[in-house]
Every structure is written in structure tokens, then in C-alpha cells.
């Protein structure tokens, strides 16, 4: 049996930010979900069985941003001032962008990454019935390139 890695006596802790000044912060994250072109057309036409994919993904992403400190153990709860989630369509993908804003002592990039991730997962959930092949697999569907494209800290 393999031995578990030892955690030193320091363990884990939330970083102290009490001494920092509150300043405007913004983070923008993006990611893509690749789908069959016919699935993209169903989404655009509003003809998926579960309803409006983009509206559901947008709401799910915003909710995920707000819940980030509950999902990622050492994230600080941040008083958010704004969240925008937008989508762009390609022939075989949807790109989600999540912008998060706050005036606080620590950045909001984890919130932006969480928002875009959950938005894309929601798209997948809402179209999985038409994305599966005859064996119940997802030969085309994939989420890729979730990353922070911009981080702002105004001084």
C-alpha cells in the first residue's frame, strides 16, 4: 500500500489579507466547449429539450461565482460588485467569458474561473442527450482552454 504524502505541522491556511487596502479588482476568464455543429444549431434555434441553454448556463455561472468560497476551501468570501457571463458561437464550439468585479483586498480570478467552468459544464449537461453517440460516449464534446485572460488591480 502506498503511503500518503505527509502534511507538515503548518497544514493549510487562508492567507491573511486584513492589512491590505480595498482596491478595484477585475478578472476575466474564458473557456470553450466543443460540440457537434448540429448541436450548436439546435442551441442557436432554441430547440433543445431542456430549454434555453445559454440562459441556464449564464445563471449557473453567476451562481457559481457567488459560491466560489464554498467550493474552493481557502478562497476568501468577496463582496462582488458585478458579474457578466457572455457567449460567442463558432461552428463547432461555444466560448464562454466570465468577468468578475469587486472592490476588495484580494483578487477575483478564482471566481472568474469558477464561473466560466460551471457555465460550460451547464452547456454540456443541457445538450448531453444529443451529443452522445450510439454507445453513450461523447466523441466530440470537450471543454478546453479555461484560463484567465485579464486581471486588473487598480491602485
N, C-alpha and C. Protein backbone atom coordinates (compact mmCIF):
# COMPACT_ATOMS: atom_id res chain seq x y z
N UNK A 1 0.84 -1.17 0.00
CA UNK A 1 0.00 0.00 0.00
C UNK A 1 0.89 1.24 0.00
N UNK A 2 0.53 2.20 -0.81
CA UNK A 2 1.31 3.43 -0.95
C UNK A 2 1.05 4.36 0.22
N UNK A 3 2.11 4.95 0.75
CA UNK A 3 1.98 5.86 1.87
C UNK A 3 1.49 7.23 1.39
N UNK A 4 0.59 7.83 2.14
CA UNK A 4 0.11 9.16 1.81
C UNK A 4 1.18 10.19 2.08
N UNK A 5 1.20 11.24 1.28
CA UNK A 5 2.14 12.32 1.49
C UNK A 5 1.85 12.99 2.82
N UNK A 6 2.90 13.25 3.57
CA UNK A 6 2.77 13.87 4.88
C UNK A 6 2.51 15.38 4.73
N UNK A 7 1.56 15.89 5.47
CA UNK A 7 1.32 17.33 5.54
C UNK A 7 2.08 17.83 6.75
N UNK A 8 2.93 18.84 6.56
CA UNK A 8 3.73 19.32 7.69
C UNK A 8 2.86 19.97 8.75
N UNK A 9 3.50 20.36 9.86
CA UNK A 9 2.77 20.91 11.00
C UNK A 9 2.05 22.23 10.68
N UNK A 10 2.44 22.88 9.59
CA UNK A 10 1.78 24.11 9.21
C UNK A 10 0.42 23.85 8.59
N UNK A 11 0.23 22.70 7.98
CA UNK A 11 -1.05 22.37 7.36
C UNK A 11 -1.40 23.35 6.26
N UNK A 12 -2.65 23.77 6.21
CA UNK A 12 -3.10 24.75 5.23
C UNK A 12 -3.74 25.91 5.97
N UNK A 13 -3.74 27.06 5.34
CA UNK A 13 -4.37 28.21 5.99
C UNK A 13 -4.82 29.20 4.94
N UNK A 14 -5.79 30.00 5.31
CA UNK A 14 -6.23 31.09 4.45
C UNK A 14 -5.22 32.23 4.61
N UNK A 15 -4.85 32.83 3.50
CA UNK A 15 -3.89 33.93 3.52
C UNK A 15 -4.52 35.15 4.21
N UNK A 16 -3.77 35.77 5.07
CA UNK A 16 -4.23 36.96 5.78
C UNK A 16 -4.24 38.15 4.81
N UNK A 17 -5.39 38.82 4.68
CA UNK A 17 -5.50 39.99 3.81
C UNK A 17 -5.95 41.23 4.58
N UNK A 18 -6.07 41.10 5.89
CA UNK A 18 -6.58 42.21 6.71
C UNK A 18 -5.79 43.48 6.59
N UNK A 19 -4.51 43.40 6.34
CA UNK A 19 -3.64 44.57 6.25
C UNK A 19 -3.70 45.25 4.88
N UNK A 20 -4.30 44.61 3.91
CA UNK A 20 -4.35 45.16 2.55
C UNK A 20 -5.44 46.21 2.41
N UNK A 21 -5.22 47.14 1.49
CA UNK A 21 -6.24 48.15 1.19
C UNK A 21 -7.27 47.58 0.23
N UNK A 22 -8.48 48.08 0.33
CA UNK A 22 -9.51 47.70 -0.63
C UNK A 22 -9.31 48.51 -1.90
N UNK A 23 -9.17 47.82 -3.02
CA UNK A 23 -9.00 48.47 -4.32
C UNK A 23 -9.87 47.75 -5.34
N UNK A 24 -10.13 48.42 -6.45
CA UNK A 24 -10.92 47.80 -7.51
C UNK A 24 -10.14 46.63 -8.10
N UNK A 25 -10.85 45.52 -8.30
CA UNK A 25 -10.26 44.33 -8.89
C UNK A 25 -11.20 43.79 -9.96
N UNK A 26 -10.60 43.25 -10.99
CA UNK A 26 -11.38 42.64 -12.07
C UNK A 26 -10.59 41.45 -12.60
N UNK A 27 -11.31 40.41 -12.96
CA UNK A 27 -10.69 39.27 -13.63
C UNK A 27 -11.63 38.80 -14.73
N UNK A 28 -11.04 38.41 -15.85
CA UNK A 28 -11.78 37.86 -16.97
C UNK A 28 -11.20 36.49 -17.29
N UNK A 29 -12.06 35.49 -17.34
CA UNK A 29 -11.66 34.14 -17.70
C UNK A 29 -12.47 33.68 -18.90
N UNK A 30 -11.87 32.82 -19.70
CA UNK A 30 -12.54 32.27 -20.87
C UNK A 30 -12.32 30.76 -20.92
N UNK A 31 -13.18 30.12 -21.68
CA UNK A 31 -13.04 28.69 -21.96
C UNK A 31 -13.99 28.31 -23.07
N UNK A 32 -13.74 27.14 -23.65
CA UNK A 32 -14.58 26.68 -24.76
C UNK A 32 -15.11 25.28 -24.52
N UNK A 33 -16.33 25.07 -25.02
CA UNK A 33 -16.87 23.72 -25.12
C UNK A 33 -17.04 23.42 -26.60
N UNK A 34 -16.50 22.29 -27.01
CA UNK A 34 -16.63 21.84 -28.40
C UNK A 34 -17.80 20.88 -28.49
N UNK A 35 -18.63 21.11 -29.49
CA UNK A 35 -19.86 20.34 -29.70
C UNK A 35 -20.00 20.02 -31.18
N UNK A 36 -20.91 19.11 -31.48
CA UNK A 36 -21.23 18.83 -32.88
C UNK A 36 -21.85 20.09 -33.50
N UNK A 37 -21.55 20.40 -34.75
CA UNK A 37 -22.15 21.59 -35.39
C UNK A 37 -23.68 21.57 -35.33
N UNK A 38 -24.28 20.39 -35.45
CA UNK A 38 -25.75 20.32 -35.38
C UNK A 38 -26.27 20.68 -33.98
N UNK A 39 -25.49 20.39 -32.95
CA UNK A 39 -25.87 20.78 -31.59
C UNK A 39 -25.82 22.30 -31.45
N UNK A 40 -24.78 22.91 -32.01
CA UNK A 40 -24.67 24.38 -31.99
C UNK A 40 -25.90 25.00 -32.64
N UNK A 41 -26.34 24.44 -33.76
CA UNK A 41 -27.52 24.97 -34.46
C UNK A 41 -28.78 24.81 -33.62
N UNK A 42 -28.92 23.68 -32.91
CA UNK A 42 -30.08 23.48 -32.03
C UNK A 42 -30.10 24.55 -30.92
N UNK A 43 -28.93 24.82 -30.36
CA UNK A 43 -28.84 25.83 -29.30
C UNK A 43 -29.22 27.20 -29.84
N UNK A 44 -28.67 27.57 -30.98
CA UNK A 44 -28.98 28.87 -31.59
C UNK A 44 -30.46 29.01 -31.89
N UNK A 45 -31.08 27.92 -32.34
CA UNK A 45 -32.50 27.95 -32.71
C UNK A 45 -33.42 27.80 -31.50
N UNK A 46 -32.85 27.54 -30.32
CA UNK A 46 -33.67 27.36 -29.12
C UNK A 46 -34.48 26.09 -29.14
N UNK A 47 -33.94 25.04 -29.76
CA UNK A 47 -34.70 23.80 -29.94
C UNK A 47 -34.15 22.62 -29.14
N UNK A 48 -33.49 22.90 -28.02
CA UNK A 48 -33.01 21.79 -27.19
C UNK A 48 -34.11 21.38 -26.22
N UNK A 49 -34.11 20.11 -25.82
CA UNK A 49 -35.18 19.59 -24.96
C UNK A 49 -35.23 20.24 -23.59
N UNK A 50 -34.07 20.65 -23.07
CA UNK A 50 -34.03 21.21 -21.72
C UNK A 50 -34.31 22.70 -21.68
N UNK A 51 -34.46 23.34 -22.83
CA UNK A 51 -34.77 24.77 -22.83
C UNK A 51 -33.61 25.64 -23.27
N UNK A 52 -33.61 26.87 -22.82
CA UNK A 52 -32.63 27.87 -23.25
C UNK A 52 -31.26 27.59 -22.61
N UNK A 53 -30.39 27.00 -23.40
CA UNK A 53 -29.07 26.58 -22.92
C UNK A 53 -28.25 27.77 -22.44
N UNK A 54 -28.22 28.82 -23.22
CA UNK A 54 -27.37 29.96 -22.89
C UNK A 54 -27.87 30.67 -21.63
N UNK A 55 -29.16 30.85 -21.49
CA UNK A 55 -29.70 31.50 -20.28
C UNK A 55 -29.40 30.66 -19.04
N UNK A 56 -29.58 29.36 -19.14
CA UNK A 56 -29.30 28.48 -18.00
C UNK A 56 -27.82 28.50 -17.64
N UNK A 57 -26.95 28.48 -18.65
CA UNK A 57 -25.51 28.50 -18.41
C UNK A 57 -25.08 29.82 -17.79
N UNK A 58 -25.70 30.89 -18.24
CA UNK A 58 -25.37 32.21 -17.70
C UNK A 58 -25.75 32.30 -16.22
N UNK A 59 -26.94 31.87 -15.89
CA UNK A 59 -27.38 31.90 -14.49
C UNK A 59 -26.52 30.97 -13.63
N UNK A 60 -26.22 29.77 -14.14
CA UNK A 60 -25.39 28.82 -13.39
C UNK A 60 -24.00 29.39 -13.14
N UNK A 61 -23.43 30.05 -14.15
CA UNK A 61 -22.11 30.64 -14.00
C UNK A 61 -22.09 31.74 -12.96
N UNK A 62 -23.11 32.59 -12.97
CA UNK A 62 -23.19 33.68 -11.99
C UNK A 62 -23.34 33.11 -10.58
N UNK A 63 -24.19 32.11 -10.44
CA UNK A 63 -24.35 31.47 -9.14
C UNK A 63 -23.03 30.85 -8.67
N UNK A 64 -22.30 30.22 -9.58
CA UNK A 64 -21.01 29.61 -9.23
C UNK A 64 -20.01 30.66 -8.75
N UNK A 65 -20.00 31.82 -9.41
CA UNK A 65 -19.11 32.90 -8.98
C UNK A 65 -19.42 33.25 -7.52
N UNK A 66 -20.70 33.39 -7.21
CA UNK A 66 -21.11 33.77 -5.86
C UNK A 66 -20.79 32.69 -4.83
N UNK A 67 -20.74 31.42 -5.27
CA UNK A 67 -20.49 30.30 -4.36
C UNK A 67 -19.03 29.86 -4.31
N UNK A 68 -18.14 30.55 -5.01
CA UNK A 68 -16.74 30.12 -5.09
C UNK A 68 -16.12 29.85 -3.72
N UNK A 69 -16.28 30.71 -2.71
CA UNK A 69 -15.65 30.41 -1.41
C UNK A 69 -16.19 29.14 -0.75
N UNK A 70 -17.38 28.69 -1.14
CA UNK A 70 -17.92 27.44 -0.61
C UNK A 70 -17.35 26.23 -1.34
N UNK A 71 -16.88 26.44 -2.57
CA UNK A 71 -16.37 25.35 -3.38
C UNK A 71 -14.86 25.16 -3.29
N UNK A 72 -14.14 26.25 -3.16
CA UNK A 72 -12.68 26.22 -3.10
C UNK A 72 -12.30 26.60 -1.67
N UNK A 73 -11.78 25.65 -0.91
CA UNK A 73 -11.67 25.80 0.55
C UNK A 73 -10.99 27.05 1.08
N UNK A 74 -9.95 27.55 0.43
CA UNK A 74 -9.21 28.66 1.02
C UNK A 74 -9.47 30.00 0.34
N UNK A 75 -10.52 30.07 -0.48
CA UNK A 75 -10.89 31.35 -1.11
C UNK A 75 -11.62 32.22 -0.10
N UNK A 76 -11.29 33.50 -0.13
CA UNK A 76 -11.97 34.46 0.74
C UNK A 76 -13.36 34.78 0.18
N UNK A 77 -14.34 34.96 1.05
CA UNK A 77 -15.62 35.49 0.58
C UNK A 77 -15.40 36.96 0.20
N UNK A 78 -15.80 37.32 -0.98
CA UNK A 78 -15.53 38.66 -1.51
C UNK A 78 -16.85 39.36 -1.82
N UNK A 79 -16.99 40.62 -1.41
CA UNK A 79 -18.20 41.37 -1.76
C UNK A 79 -18.15 41.79 -3.23
N UNK A 80 -18.77 41.01 -4.06
CA UNK A 80 -18.74 41.24 -5.51
C UNK A 80 -19.57 42.46 -5.87
N UNK A 81 -19.11 43.19 -6.89
CA UNK A 81 -19.89 44.32 -7.37
C UNK A 81 -20.49 44.06 -8.74
N UNK A 82 -20.00 43.05 -9.44
CA UNK A 82 -20.56 42.75 -10.75
C UNK A 82 -20.02 41.46 -11.34
N UNK A 83 -20.87 40.80 -12.10
CA UNK A 83 -20.51 39.58 -12.83
C UNK A 83 -21.21 39.61 -14.17
N UNK A 84 -20.45 39.38 -15.23
CA UNK A 84 -21.02 39.26 -16.57
C UNK A 84 -20.52 37.97 -17.20
N UNK A 85 -21.43 37.20 -17.75
CA UNK A 85 -21.05 35.99 -18.49
C UNK A 85 -21.64 36.10 -19.87
N UNK A 86 -20.78 36.01 -20.87
CA UNK A 86 -21.20 36.13 -22.26
C UNK A 86 -20.72 34.91 -23.04
N UNK A 87 -21.32 34.73 -24.22
CA UNK A 87 -21.02 33.57 -25.05
C UNK A 87 -20.83 33.99 -26.50
N UNK A 88 -19.87 33.36 -27.15
CA UNK A 88 -19.66 33.54 -28.58
C UNK A 88 -19.72 32.16 -29.23
N UNK A 89 -20.36 32.11 -30.40
CA UNK A 89 -20.51 30.84 -31.11
C UNK A 89 -19.50 30.72 -32.24
N UNK A 90 -18.90 29.55 -32.34
CA UNK A 90 -18.13 29.16 -33.51
C UNK A 90 -18.89 28.05 -34.20
N UNK A 91 -18.35 27.53 -35.27
CA UNK A 91 -19.03 26.45 -35.99
C UNK A 91 -19.20 25.20 -35.14
N UNK A 92 -18.16 24.89 -34.34
CA UNK A 92 -18.20 23.67 -33.53
C UNK A 92 -17.85 23.93 -32.05
N UNK A 93 -18.02 25.15 -31.60
CA UNK A 93 -17.74 25.45 -30.19
C UNK A 93 -18.57 26.65 -29.73
N UNK A 94 -18.64 26.75 -28.40
CA UNK A 94 -19.16 27.93 -27.73
C UNK A 94 -18.08 28.39 -26.78
N UNK A 95 -17.73 29.66 -26.86
CA UNK A 95 -16.74 30.22 -25.95
C UNK A 95 -17.47 31.04 -24.91
N UNK A 96 -17.21 30.73 -23.65
CA UNK A 96 -17.79 31.48 -22.54
C UNK A 96 -16.74 32.42 -21.97
N UNK A 97 -17.18 33.62 -21.63
CA UNK A 97 -16.32 34.60 -20.98
C UNK A 97 -17.01 35.04 -19.69
N UNK A 98 -16.26 35.04 -18.61
CA UNK A 98 -16.79 35.47 -17.32
C UNK A 98 -15.94 36.62 -16.79
N UNK A 99 -16.57 37.76 -16.56
CA UNK A 99 -15.89 38.92 -15.98
C UNK A 99 -16.46 39.15 -14.59
N UNK A 100 -15.57 39.27 -13.62
CA UNK A 100 -15.97 39.47 -12.23
C UNK A 100 -15.29 40.74 -11.72
N UNK A 101 -16.07 41.56 -10.98
CA UNK A 101 -15.56 42.81 -10.44
C UNK A 101 -15.87 42.91 -8.94
N UNK A 102 -14.94 43.53 -8.23
CA UNK A 102 -15.11 43.77 -6.80
C UNK A 102 -14.16 44.87 -6.36
N UNK A 103 -14.50 45.52 -5.28
CA UNK A 103 -13.56 46.41 -4.61
C UNK A 103 -13.27 45.75 -3.28
N UNK A 104 -12.06 45.17 -3.22
CA UNK A 104 -11.73 44.38 -2.03
C UNK A 104 -10.22 44.23 -1.88
N UNK A 105 -9.83 43.38 -0.95
CA UNK A 105 -8.43 43.22 -0.56
C UNK A 105 -7.72 42.08 -1.30
N UNK A 106 -8.45 41.32 -2.08
CA UNK A 106 -7.85 40.19 -2.79
C UNK A 106 -8.54 40.04 -4.14
N UNK A 107 -7.88 39.36 -5.06
CA UNK A 107 -8.36 39.27 -6.43
C UNK A 107 -9.55 38.35 -6.62
N UNK A 108 -10.11 38.42 -7.83
CA UNK A 108 -11.33 37.67 -8.15
C UNK A 108 -11.12 36.68 -9.30
N UNK A 109 -9.88 36.28 -9.54
CA UNK A 109 -9.65 35.35 -10.66
C UNK A 109 -10.22 33.96 -10.40
N UNK A 110 -10.22 33.49 -9.16
CA UNK A 110 -10.81 32.17 -8.90
C UNK A 110 -12.31 32.19 -9.16
N UNK A 111 -12.95 33.31 -8.83
CA UNK A 111 -14.38 33.45 -9.10
C UNK A 111 -14.65 33.43 -10.60
N UNK A 112 -13.82 34.12 -11.38
CA UNK A 112 -14.00 34.14 -12.84
C UNK A 112 -13.78 32.75 -13.43
N UNK A 113 -12.77 32.04 -12.97
CA UNK A 113 -12.50 30.68 -13.46
C UNK A 113 -13.63 29.72 -13.08
N UNK A 114 -14.15 29.87 -11.88
CA UNK A 114 -15.26 29.02 -11.43
C UNK A 114 -16.51 29.31 -12.25
N UNK A 115 -16.78 30.59 -12.50
CA UNK A 115 -17.96 30.96 -13.28
C UNK A 115 -17.93 30.41 -14.68
N UNK A 116 -16.80 30.54 -15.36
CA UNK A 116 -16.71 30.04 -16.74
C UNK A 116 -16.77 28.51 -16.75
N UNK A 117 -16.16 27.87 -15.77
CA UNK A 117 -16.19 26.39 -15.71
C UNK A 117 -17.61 25.86 -15.55
N UNK A 118 -18.35 26.43 -14.62
CA UNK A 118 -19.72 25.96 -14.37
C UNK A 118 -20.64 26.32 -15.54
N UNK A 119 -20.43 27.47 -16.15
CA UNK A 119 -21.24 27.82 -17.33
C UNK A 119 -21.05 26.77 -18.43
N UNK A 120 -19.81 26.39 -18.68
CA UNK A 120 -19.54 25.39 -19.72
C UNK A 120 -20.06 24.00 -19.33
N UNK A 121 -19.93 23.64 -18.08
CA UNK A 121 -20.49 22.36 -17.62
C UNK A 121 -22.01 22.33 -17.77
N UNK A 122 -22.64 23.47 -17.56
CA UNK A 122 -24.10 23.56 -17.73
C UNK A 122 -24.49 23.38 -19.18
N UNK A 123 -23.73 23.97 -20.08
CA UNK A 123 -23.99 23.75 -21.52
C UNK A 123 -23.92 22.25 -21.80
N UNK A 124 -22.87 21.59 -21.33
CA UNK A 124 -22.71 20.15 -21.56
C UNK A 124 -23.93 19.39 -21.02
N UNK A 125 -24.31 19.69 -19.79
CA UNK A 125 -25.44 18.99 -19.19
C UNK A 125 -26.72 19.16 -20.01
N UNK A 126 -26.93 20.34 -20.53
CA UNK A 126 -28.18 20.61 -21.24
C UNK A 126 -28.24 20.00 -22.63
N UNK A 127 -27.09 19.64 -23.20
CA UNK A 127 -27.10 19.08 -24.55
C UNK A 127 -26.55 17.65 -24.61
N UNK A 128 -26.31 17.04 -23.48
CA UNK A 128 -25.66 15.73 -23.49
C UNK A 128 -26.47 14.67 -24.24
N UNK A 129 -27.77 14.78 -24.24
CA UNK A 129 -28.59 13.78 -24.94
C UNK A 129 -28.32 13.77 -26.45
N UNK A 130 -28.06 14.93 -27.03
CA UNK A 130 -27.79 14.97 -28.48
C UNK A 130 -26.30 14.86 -28.80
N UNK A 131 -25.46 14.95 -27.80
CA UNK A 131 -24.01 14.83 -28.02
C UNK A 131 -23.52 13.38 -27.93
N UNK A 132 -24.28 12.52 -27.25
CA UNK A 132 -23.86 11.12 -27.09
C UNK A 132 -23.93 10.38 -28.42
N UNK A 133 -23.00 9.43 -28.58
CA UNK A 133 -23.09 8.55 -29.76
C UNK A 133 -23.93 7.33 -29.40
N UNK A 134 -24.00 6.36 -30.31
CA UNK A 134 -24.84 5.17 -30.10
C UNK A 134 -24.37 4.32 -28.93
N UNK A 135 -23.14 4.51 -28.47
CA UNK A 135 -22.61 3.77 -27.32
C UNK A 135 -22.67 4.57 -26.02
N UNK A 136 -23.29 5.76 -26.07
CA UNK A 136 -23.41 6.59 -24.89
C UNK A 136 -22.15 7.38 -24.57
N UNK A 137 -21.24 7.46 -25.52
CA UNK A 137 -19.98 8.18 -25.32
C UNK A 137 -20.06 9.58 -25.94
N UNK A 138 -19.08 10.38 -25.63
CA UNK A 138 -19.01 11.76 -26.13
C UNK A 138 -17.75 11.93 -27.00
N UNK A 139 -17.82 11.50 -28.26
CA UNK A 139 -16.62 11.55 -29.10
C UNK A 139 -16.19 12.97 -29.50
N UNK A 140 -17.08 13.92 -29.47
CA UNK A 140 -16.77 15.29 -29.89
C UNK A 140 -16.70 16.24 -28.70
N UNK A 141 -17.58 16.06 -27.75
CA UNK A 141 -17.77 17.01 -26.65
C UNK A 141 -16.54 17.08 -25.76
N UNK A 142 -16.05 18.30 -25.56
CA UNK A 142 -14.93 18.50 -24.65
C UNK A 142 -14.87 19.98 -24.24
N UNK A 143 -14.37 20.19 -23.06
CA UNK A 143 -14.16 21.54 -22.55
C UNK A 143 -12.65 21.76 -22.53
N UNK A 144 -12.24 22.91 -23.07
CA UNK A 144 -10.80 23.18 -23.18
C UNK A 144 -10.47 24.63 -22.87
N UNK A 145 -9.21 24.81 -22.54
CA UNK A 145 -8.56 26.11 -22.50
C UNK A 145 -9.22 27.11 -21.56
N UNK A 146 -9.60 26.65 -20.38
CA UNK A 146 -10.13 27.57 -19.38
C UNK A 146 -8.93 28.29 -18.78
N UNK A 147 -8.96 29.62 -18.87
CA UNK A 147 -7.80 30.39 -18.42
C UNK A 147 -8.19 31.83 -18.12
N UNK A 148 -7.35 32.48 -17.34
CA UNK A 148 -7.52 33.91 -17.04
C UNK A 148 -6.91 34.69 -18.19
N UNK A 149 -7.70 35.56 -18.79
CA UNK A 149 -7.18 36.38 -19.90
C UNK A 149 -6.81 37.79 -19.45
N UNK A 150 -7.36 38.21 -18.31
CA UNK A 150 -7.02 39.53 -17.80
C UNK A 150 -7.28 39.59 -16.32
N UNK A 151 -6.37 40.25 -15.61
CA UNK A 151 -6.52 40.51 -14.18
C UNK A 151 -6.14 41.96 -13.96
N UNK A 152 -7.03 42.70 -13.27
CA UNK A 152 -6.80 44.13 -13.03
C UNK A 152 -6.81 44.38 -11.54
N UNK A 153 -5.84 45.15 -11.10
CA UNK A 153 -5.79 45.63 -9.70
C UNK A 153 -5.48 47.12 -9.79
N UNK A 154 -6.50 47.95 -9.57
CA UNK A 154 -6.32 49.40 -9.65
C UNK A 154 -5.73 49.90 -8.34
N UNK A 155 -4.75 50.71 -8.43
CA UNK A 155 -4.10 51.22 -7.21
C UNK A 155 -4.51 52.64 -6.93
